[in-house]
Amino acid sequence: MSPSLEDLEKIYAEWPSEELQNVLNKNRNDYTPEAVSVIEQELKKRGVGTSIKCPKCGLYNPSSSIKCDCDYILQIMPSAVQAAAVQQSFRSLKVNKKISDEDRCAICSGPMVLGEDIVQCERCSKYFHSKCKDSFGGCNSPECQIQRKKCPFCKELISQEAIKCRYCGEYVDETVRQNTVPKGTPSEATDALKYSIFGIFCFGVILGPLAISKGLKAIKIIDSEPGYTGRGKAMAGIIIGIIVTLLWAIGFLEKIKG
């Protein structure tokens, strides 16, 4: 169960200002929107500025803002992996006067323009620009999000059930990782390339087909057992082997005709 706003206020009231600012400047994506809002209020009480100045129009925006009113992107949009994977449904509607006056997009903090097409999360009732919802990957409310974990390799936040990190490409599931650890190159791939090259100079009629056979066997091993490398060697051996075999066959036919 998530802590209440009162609990958050008590917690952050005891934090040094430097740590609170560090959350907003560097680690904000690790905290819920409610926590960020409480931290901003706490810093405001202490007289510590938490605004972001837009470099395009000069307007000061709350530090939680992702986009300025002039549409300049102030911060990188949180990645879709942080969005909800639980069942979500959205209602499409147009901005009325009440929404325009009282609400802003729950993701980018941008204004809701009267008559604009938006969506509302049917679970938490928050409003979003359609593009913001699609970019984020869904609703950004804590109650609508799945549990997340940090990738042990790049430290980015990923789904608790993720098998492979979408950022660094590493497998985070240990069982899968053990089965995909590089196992080297099958000897058949190396043999295929070696026989095909030797076949260019001698015994091509024998070494060419042998290179093709070794190369095909190597590709079969690589495809059936994750972790093996050497597909390039195997393919090169097969191609050169075919060329060598054809050249020797053509040469043999020329000799017969002569």
Protein backbone atom coordinates (compact mmCIF):
# COMPACT_ATOMS: atom_id res chain seq x y z
CA MET A 1 0.00 0.00 0.00
CA SER A 2 1.37 3.41 -0.97
CA PRO A 3 1.98 5.91 1.85
CA SER A 4 -0.55 8.74 2.23
CA LEU A 5 0.29 12.35 1.46
CA GLU A 6 0.44 13.02 5.20
CA ASP A 7 3.00 10.24 5.63
CA LEU A 8 5.07 11.54 2.73
CA GLU A 9 5.03 15.05 4.18
CA LYS A 10 6.37 13.74 7.50
CA ILE A 11 9.06 11.68 5.77
CA TYR A 12 10.41 14.43 3.50
CA ALA A 13 10.20 17.08 6.22
CA GLU A 14 13.15 15.31 7.86
CA TRP A 15 15.28 15.18 4.69
CA PRO A 16 18.06 17.73 4.08
CA SER A 17 17.31 20.21 1.29
CA GLU A 18 20.29 18.95 -0.71
CA GLU A 19 18.88 15.41 -0.83
CA LEU A 20 15.43 16.66 -1.79
CA GLN A 21 16.88 18.71 -4.64
CA ASN A 22 18.91 15.71 -5.78
CA VAL A 23 15.67 13.72 -6.11
CA LEU A 24 14.19 16.36 -8.42
CA ASN A 25 17.35 16.90 -10.44
CA LYS A 26 18.64 13.35 -10.88
CA ASN A 27 16.38 10.61 -9.50
CA ARG A 28 12.86 11.91 -10.07
CA ASN A 29 11.85 8.87 -12.17
CA ASP A 30 12.37 6.63 -9.13
CA TYR A 31 9.60 8.49 -7.26
CA THR A 32 5.84 8.66 -7.73
CA PRO A 33 4.25 11.90 -8.98
CA GLU A 34 2.73 12.37 -5.51
CA ALA A 35 6.13 12.10 -3.84
CA VAL A 36 7.64 14.60 -6.29
CA SER A 37 4.81 17.04 -5.58
CA VAL A 38 5.31 16.74 -1.79
CA ILE A 39 9.08 17.27 -2.19
CA GLU A 40 8.46 20.40 -4.27
CA GLN A 41 6.11 21.76 -1.60
CA GLU A 42 8.63 21.00 1.14
CA LEU A 43 11.39 22.84 -0.71
CA LYS A 44 9.03 25.73 -1.36
CA LYS A 45 8.36 25.99 2.39
CA ARG A 46 12.10 26.23 2.95
CA GLY A 47 12.43 28.94 0.32
CA VAL A 48 14.45 26.74 -2.02
CA GLY A 49 13.66 27.29 -5.72
CA THR A 50 12.45 24.26 -7.67
CA SER A 51 11.47 25.86 -10.97
CA ILE A 52 12.80 25.06 -14.43
CA LYS A 53 13.38 28.01 -16.76
CA CYS A 54 12.38 27.31 -20.34
CA PRO A 55 15.37 28.11 -22.59
CA LYS A 56 13.02 28.92 -25.47
CA CYS A 57 10.54 31.41 -23.97
CA GLY A 58 12.06 32.14 -20.54
CA LEU A 59 8.94 31.04 -18.63
CA TYR A 60 9.51 29.36 -15.26
CA ASN A 61 7.82 25.97 -14.93
CA PRO A 62 7.38 23.60 -11.97
CA SER A 63 10.28 21.15 -11.79
CA SER A 64 7.80 18.32 -12.39
CA SER A 65 6.96 19.75 -15.83
CA ILE A 66 8.09 17.77 -18.84
CA LYS A 67 6.91 20.33 -21.40
CA CYS A 68 6.60 24.12 -21.24
CA ASP A 69 3.43 25.93 -22.31
CA CYS A 70 5.30 26.93 -25.47
CA ASP A 71 5.66 23.19 -26.26
CA TYR A 72 9.42 23.13 -25.62
CA ILE A 73 10.45 19.77 -24.09
CA LEU A 74 12.01 20.50 -20.70
CA GLN A 75 12.78 16.93 -19.68
CA ILE A 76 12.93 13.56 -21.38
CA MET A 77 9.61 11.77 -21.26
CA PRO A 78 9.61 8.80 -18.84
CA SER A 79 10.10 5.60 -20.79
CA ALA A 80 7.23 3.32 -21.69
CA VAL A 81 8.68 0.53 -19.57
CA GLN A 82 7.60 2.54 -16.52
CA ALA A 83 4.01 2.66 -17.68
CA ALA A 84 1.31 0.28 -16.62
CA ALA A 85 1.01 -3.24 -17.91
CA VAL A 86 -2.04 -3.88 -15.73
CA GLN A 87 -5.40 -3.79 -17.45
CA GLN A 88 -6.03 -0.19 -18.50
CA SER A 89 -8.87 1.40 -20.36
CA PHE A 90 -9.28 4.97 -21.53
CA ARG A 91 -12.23 7.13 -22.43
CA SER A 92 -11.88 9.56 -25.34
CA LEU A 93 -13.42 12.99 -24.85
CA LYS A 94 -13.06 16.67 -25.70
CA VAL A 95 -11.84 19.30 -23.28
CA ASN A 96 -14.70 21.31 -21.78
CA LYS A 97 -14.41 24.57 -19.84
CA LYS A 98 -14.20 22.84 -16.47
CA ILE A 99 -11.32 20.59 -17.57
CA SER A 100 -9.58 23.49 -19.30
CA ASP A 101 -9.77 25.65 -16.17
CA GLU A 102 -8.97 23.03 -13.53
CA ASP A 103 -6.82 20.32 -15.08
CA ARG A 104 -3.52 19.82 -16.90
CA CYS A 105 -2.09 16.75 -18.61
CA ALA A 106 -1.01 14.33 -15.86
CA ILE A 107 2.15 13.43 -17.82
CA CYS A 108 3.53 16.60 -19.41
CA SER A 109 1.74 19.11 -17.13
CA GLY A 110 0.72 20.97 -20.27
CA PRO A 111 -2.61 22.84 -20.52
CA MET A 112 -5.83 21.28 -21.76
CA VAL A 113 -7.06 23.45 -24.61
CA LEU A 114 -10.82 23.92 -24.91
CA GLY A 115 -12.22 21.55 -27.56
CA GLU A 116 -9.00 19.48 -27.74
CA ASP A 117 -9.23 15.67 -28.04
CA ILE A 118 -7.92 13.99 -24.88
CA VAL A 119 -8.28 10.71 -23.00
CA GLN A 120 -9.19 9.90 -19.41
CA CYS A 121 -8.02 6.85 -17.48
CA GLU A 122 -11.12 5.00 -16.31
CA ARG A 123 -9.17 3.58 -13.36
CA CYS A 124 -7.84 6.78 -11.72
CA SER A 125 -9.79 9.45 -13.71
CA LYS A 126 -6.67 11.43 -14.71
CA TYR A 127 -6.64 13.32 -18.00
CA PHE A 128 -3.92 12.99 -20.66
CA HIS A 129 -3.04 14.33 -24.08
CA SER A 130 -3.39 11.35 -26.41
CA LYS A 131 0.22 11.72 -27.61
CA CYS A 132 1.52 11.88 -24.03
CA LYS A 133 -0.39 8.74 -23.08
CA ASP A 134 0.95 6.90 -26.13
CA SER A 135 4.53 8.11 -25.55
CA PHE A 136 4.46 7.08 -21.90
CA GLY A 137 2.81 3.76 -22.70
CA GLY A 138 -0.33 4.25 -20.66
CA CYS A 139 -1.42 5.92 -17.43
CA ASN A 140 1.36 7.17 -15.14
CA SER A 141 -0.57 6.89 -11.87
CA PRO A 142 1.16 4.67 -9.28
CA GLU A 143 -2.00 2.59 -8.82
CA CYS A 144 -2.05 1.91 -12.54
CA GLN A 145 1.58 0.85 -12.83
CA ILE A 146 3.26 -2.51 -12.52
CA GLN A 147 6.09 -3.27 -10.14
CA ARG A 148 9.48 -2.31 -11.51
CA LYS A 149 13.07 -3.28 -10.87
CA LYS A 150 16.45 -1.91 -11.83
CA CYS A 151 18.43 -3.69 -14.52
CA PRO A 152 21.53 -5.09 -12.75
CA PHE A 153 23.69 -4.04 -15.72
CA CYS A 154 22.59 -0.53 -16.75
CA LYS A 155 20.44 0.38 -13.69
CA GLU A 156 17.49 1.52 -15.82
CA LEU A 157 13.96 0.74 -14.54
CA ILE A 158 12.34 -2.22 -16.27
CA SER A 159 9.31 -4.44 -15.71
CA GLN A 160 9.53 -6.78 -12.72
CA GLU A 161 8.83 -9.68 -15.09
CA ALA A 162 11.24 -8.58 -17.83
CA ILE A 163 13.51 -11.28 -19.27
CA LYS A 164 15.68 -8.92 -21.30
CA CYS A 165 16.50 -5.26 -20.63
CA ARG A 166 15.11 -2.98 -23.34
CA TYR A 167 17.91 -0.45 -22.74
CA CYS A 168 21.19 -2.39 -22.71
CA GLY A 169 19.96 -5.64 -24.31
CA GLU A 170 21.28 -7.84 -21.49
CA TYR A 171 19.25 -10.83 -20.27
CA VAL A 172 18.18 -10.24 -16.66
CA ASP A 173 16.54 -13.63 -16.20
CA GLU A 174 19.34 -15.81 -14.83
CA THR A 175 18.02 -19.06 -16.36
CA VAL A 176 17.79 -17.52 -19.83
CA ARG A 177 21.12 -15.77 -19.34
CA GLN A 178 22.89 -19.05 -18.58
CA ASN A 179 21.54 -20.49 -21.81
CA THR A 180 22.59 -17.49 -23.88
CA VAL A 181 26.11 -16.89 -22.59
CA PRO A 182 28.49 -16.90 -25.60
CA LYS A 183 29.83 -20.40 -26.19
CA GLY A 184 32.31 -19.52 -28.89
CA THR A 185 32.39 -20.58 -32.52
CA PRO A 186 31.63 -24.19 -33.56
CA SER A 187 34.69 -25.89 -35.06
CA GLU A 188 32.59 -26.69 -38.11
CA ALA A 189 32.34 -22.97 -38.97
CA THR A 190 36.11 -22.55 -38.81
CA ASP A 191 36.64 -25.74 -40.82
CA ALA A 192 34.19 -24.59 -43.49
CA LEU A 193 36.11 -21.37 -44.09
CA LYS A 194 39.50 -23.13 -43.96
CA TYR A 195 38.54 -25.89 -46.43
CA SER A 196 36.96 -23.43 -48.85
CA ILE A 197 40.12 -21.26 -48.96
CA PHE A 198 42.43 -24.25 -49.40
CA GLY A 199 40.10 -25.49 -52.12
CA ILE A 200 40.87 -22.42 -54.21
CA PHE A 201 44.45 -23.65 -54.65
CA CYS A 202 44.16 -27.44 -54.58
CA PHE A 203 41.72 -30.34 -54.34
CA GLY A 204 38.78 -28.00 -54.88
CA VAL A 205 36.61 -30.83 -56.15
CA ILE A 206 36.91 -32.41 -52.68
CA LEU A 207 37.39 -29.46 -50.35
CA GLY A 208 34.63 -27.32 -51.93
CA PRO A 209 31.77 -29.75 -51.16
CA LEU A 210 33.36 -30.49 -47.77
CA ALA A 211 33.34 -26.76 -46.92
CA ILE A 212 29.68 -26.54 -47.89
CA SER A 213 28.81 -29.52 -45.69
CA LYS A 214 30.74 -28.17 -42.70
CA GLY A 215 29.18 -24.71 -43.11
CA LEU A 216 25.62 -26.05 -43.20
CA LYS A 217 26.29 -28.15 -40.11
CA ALA A 218 27.72 -25.11 -38.29
CA ILE A 219 24.64 -23.00 -39.05
CA LYS A 220 22.40 -25.79 -37.78
CA ILE A 221 24.33 -25.84 -34.48
CA ILE A 222 24.25 -22.02 -34.16
CA ASP A 223 20.50 -21.87 -34.78
CA SER A 224 19.65 -24.72 -32.41
CA GLU A 225 21.80 -23.68 -29.44
CA PRO A 226 21.69 -20.01 -28.31
CA GLY A 227 25.07 -18.56 -27.41
CA TYR A 228 27.13 -19.81 -30.33
CA THR A 229 28.77 -17.36 -32.74
CA GLY A 230 30.44 -17.80 -36.12
CA ARG A 231 27.54 -17.56 -38.55
CA GLY A 232 29.61 -15.22 -40.73
CA LYS A 233 32.44 -17.74 -40.97
CA ALA A 234 30.02 -20.54 -41.80
CA MET A 235 28.28 -18.51 -44.52
CA ALA A 236 31.60 -17.40 -46.02
CA GLY A 237 32.75 -21.03 -46.11
CA ILE A 238 29.56 -22.11 -47.85
CA ILE A 239 29.69 -19.34 -50.48
CA ILE A 240 33.38 -19.80 -51.26
CA GLY A 241 32.88 -23.58 -51.25
CA ILE A 242 30.11 -23.28 -53.84
CA ILE A 243 32.24 -21.01 -56.04
CA VAL A 244 35.27 -23.32 -55.75
CA THR A 245 33.17 -26.38 -56.55
CA LEU A 246 31.64 -24.70 -59.62
CA LEU A 247 35.02 -23.50 -60.90
CA TRP A 248 36.57 -26.94 -60.55
CA ALA A 249 33.54 -28.50 -62.23
CA ILE A 250 33.78 -26.03 -65.13
CA GLY A 251 37.52 -26.67 -65.40
CA PHE A 252 36.95 -30.41 -65.46
CA LEU A 253 34.35 -30.10 -68.25
CA GLU A 254 36.72 -27.89 -70.27
CA LYS A 255 39.41 -30.54 -70.02
CA ILE A 256 37.01 -33.22 -71.26
CA LYS A 257 35.98 -31.07 -74.22
CA GLY A 258 39.61 -30.33 -75.02
